Amino acid sequence: MSHTVVAELVAAVMKVEVAVGQRVAAEDPVVLLESMKMEIPVLAEVAGTIVEVVVDAGDVVNDGDPLVVIEPSRS
C-alpha cells in the first residue's frame, strides 16, 4: 500500500527534492515549500521508493494536496 505525502498548508513549491525511482529514508526531504517568505521542508514519513511526483516547482498547493507518493520498503 502506497503512502502519499501531503501539503500541510497553502504554499508555493520551491523545489522538488526527489525523482521517481529514488529511494528515501524516513525524514528525508522530498519537497521544499515557501509560504510567507519562509522555506518549509516537507519530509518523507516512511522509508521507501518514490513512485509518483505530483507537483512541480512553481505550483501552488493547498492544505491536504498530494506532493509525492512513496511505496514503503518491506521489512
Protein backbone atom coordinates (compact mmCIF):
# COMPACT_ATOMS: atom_id res chain seq x y z
CA MET A 1 0.00 0.00 0.00
CA SER A 2 1.47 3.32 -1.03
CA HIS A 3 1.89 6.35 1.22
CA THR A 4 1.03 9.86 -0.01
CA VAL A 5 2.92 12.83 1.41
CA VAL A 6 0.58 15.84 1.52
CA ALA A 7 0.97 19.58 1.99
CA GLU A 8 0.07 20.85 5.44
CA LEU A 9 -0.52 24.47 4.42
CA VAL A 10 -1.10 26.73 1.43
CA ALA A 11 2.30 27.30 -0.15
CA ALA A 12 4.32 27.53 -3.35
CA VAL A 13 6.53 24.61 -4.36
CA MET A 14 10.09 25.97 -4.47
CA LYS A 15 11.89 22.73 -5.28
CA VAL A 16 11.17 19.04 -5.70
CA GLU A 17 13.99 17.16 -3.95
CA VAL A 18 13.23 13.64 -5.28
CA ALA A 19 12.55 11.80 -8.54
CA VAL A 20 10.53 8.71 -9.44
CA GLY A 21 12.51 5.57 -8.61
CA GLN A 22 14.60 7.26 -5.92
CA ARG A 23 14.85 5.55 -2.54
CA VAL A 24 14.24 7.70 0.53
CA ALA A 25 14.56 7.19 4.25
CA ALA A 26 12.03 8.43 6.78
CA GLU A 27 12.75 12.12 7.48
CA ASP A 28 14.46 12.72 4.10
CA PRO A 29 13.31 15.98 2.49
CA VAL A 30 11.06 15.39 -0.53
CA VAL A 31 9.76 18.88 -1.36
CA LEU A 32 10.69 22.43 -0.34
CA LEU A 33 7.71 24.75 0.09
CA GLU A 34 7.62 28.53 0.51
CA SER A 35 4.94 30.34 2.48
CA MET A 36 5.08 33.91 3.76
CA LYS A 37 8.77 34.13 2.73
CA MET A 38 9.65 31.09 4.87
CA GLU A 39 11.17 27.91 3.42
CA ILE A 40 9.46 24.79 4.73
CA PRO A 41 10.97 21.37 4.03
CA VAL A 42 8.45 18.53 3.70
CA LEU A 43 9.90 15.24 4.93
CA ALA A 44 9.15 11.65 3.98
CA GLU A 45 7.15 9.98 6.73
CA VAL A 46 8.18 6.46 5.68
CA ALA A 47 11.20 4.83 4.05
CA GLY A 48 10.68 3.51 0.55
CA THR A 49 10.78 4.29 -3.17
CA ILE A 50 9.23 7.33 -4.85
CA VAL A 51 6.58 6.07 -7.28
CA GLU A 52 4.99 9.40 -8.24
CA VAL A 53 5.86 13.09 -8.01
CA VAL A 54 2.59 15.00 -8.17
CA VAL A 55 3.89 18.61 -8.09
CA ASP A 56 6.44 20.72 -9.97
CA ALA A 57 8.44 23.75 -8.88
CA GLY A 58 6.25 26.83 -9.16
CA ASP A 59 3.00 25.02 -8.35
CA VAL A 60 0.76 26.36 -5.57
CA VAL A 61 -0.61 23.74 -3.19
CA ASN A 62 -3.36 23.79 -0.59
CA ASP A 63 -3.60 22.02 2.73
CA GLY A 64 -4.09 18.30 2.01
CA ASP A 65 -2.89 18.36 -1.61
CA PRO A 66 -0.69 15.37 -2.55
CA LEU A 67 3.00 16.08 -3.17
CA VAL A 68 4.67 12.70 -3.68
CA VAL A 69 3.72 9.03 -3.39
CA ILE A 70 6.06 6.55 -1.69
CA GLU A 71 5.94 2.76 -1.93
CA PRO A 72 7.10 1.80 1.59
CA SER A 73 10.05 -0.57 2.00
CA ARG A 74 9.09 -4.05 3.11
CA SER A 75 10.69 -5.06 6.39
